[in-house]
């Protein structure tokens, strides 16, 4: 799954660690999501979308 988390973090000058802390996951989880190696759970996707003030669809794009 493609995502825009890295770009959104950069816009807010957030580190992976600070995003992880805000969403209640590990920095490694954020890293894996950014690299497309791990798809977030729906509750985590909602937390990330609320934090950045964007819809889930604006952040995550499913690859067929």
Protein backbone atom coordinates (compact mmCIF):
# COMPACT_ATOMS: atom_id res chain seq x y z
CA UNK A 1 0.00 0.00 0.00
CA UNK A 2 1.38 3.39 -0.98
CA UNK A 3 1.15 6.23 1.50
CA UNK A 4 2.12 9.86 2.03
CA UNK A 5 3.17 9.59 5.65
CA UNK A 6 6.80 10.58 5.06
CA UNK A 7 5.73 13.74 3.19
CA UNK A 8 3.13 14.66 5.81
CA UNK A 9 5.66 14.12 8.61
CA UNK A 10 8.13 16.40 6.84
CA UNK A 11 5.49 19.11 6.48
CA UNK A 12 4.88 19.00 10.24
CA UNK A 13 8.60 18.52 11.01
CA UNK A 14 7.82 15.28 12.86
CA UNK A 15 10.16 12.38 13.37
CA UNK A 16 9.13 8.77 13.03
CA UNK A 17 9.56 8.48 16.79
CA UNK A 18 7.23 11.38 17.55
CA UNK A 19 4.57 10.04 15.16
CA UNK A 20 4.93 6.63 16.78
CA UNK A 21 4.46 8.13 20.24
CA UNK A 22 1.39 10.10 19.14
CA UNK A 23 -0.23 7.00 17.62
CA UNK A 24 0.83 4.46 20.25
CA UNK A 25 3.03 2.26 18.08
CA UNK A 26 6.78 1.72 17.73
CA UNK A 27 9.06 3.75 15.48
CA UNK A 28 9.78 0.50 13.61
CA UNK A 29 6.08 0.18 12.81
CA UNK A 30 5.98 3.69 11.34
CA UNK A 31 9.12 2.92 9.35
CA UNK A 32 7.61 -0.29 7.97
CA UNK A 33 4.37 1.49 7.02
CA UNK A 34 6.28 4.27 5.24
CA UNK A 35 8.28 1.70 3.27
CA UNK A 36 5.14 -0.22 2.29
CA UNK A 37 6.25 -3.32 4.17
CA UNK A 38 3.35 -3.22 6.64
CA UNK A 39 -0.27 -2.16 6.25
CA UNK A 40 -1.67 -0.36 9.28
CA UNK A 41 -4.74 -1.59 11.08
CA UNK A 42 -7.90 0.41 10.51
CA UNK A 43 -7.76 2.01 13.99
CA UNK A 44 -4.14 3.05 13.37
CA UNK A 45 -5.02 4.45 9.93
CA UNK A 46 -7.76 6.53 11.59
CA UNK A 47 -5.33 7.82 14.24
CA UNK A 48 -2.83 8.83 11.56
CA UNK A 49 -5.50 10.52 9.44
CA UNK A 50 -6.83 12.50 12.40
CA UNK A 51 -3.34 13.55 13.43
CA UNK A 52 -2.62 14.96 9.97
CA UNK A 53 -6.15 16.31 9.41
CA UNK A 54 -6.57 14.31 6.21
CA UNK A 55 -8.89 11.52 5.14
CA UNK A 56 -7.57 7.96 5.07
CA UNK A 57 -7.93 8.02 1.28
CA UNK A 58 -5.71 11.10 1.05
CA UNK A 59 -2.93 9.34 2.96
CA UNK A 60 -3.19 5.71 1.86
CA UNK A 61 -3.57 4.36 -1.66
CA UNK A 62 -4.28 0.69 -2.25
CA UNK A 63 -2.18 -0.90 -4.99
CA UNK A 64 -3.90 -3.56 -7.08
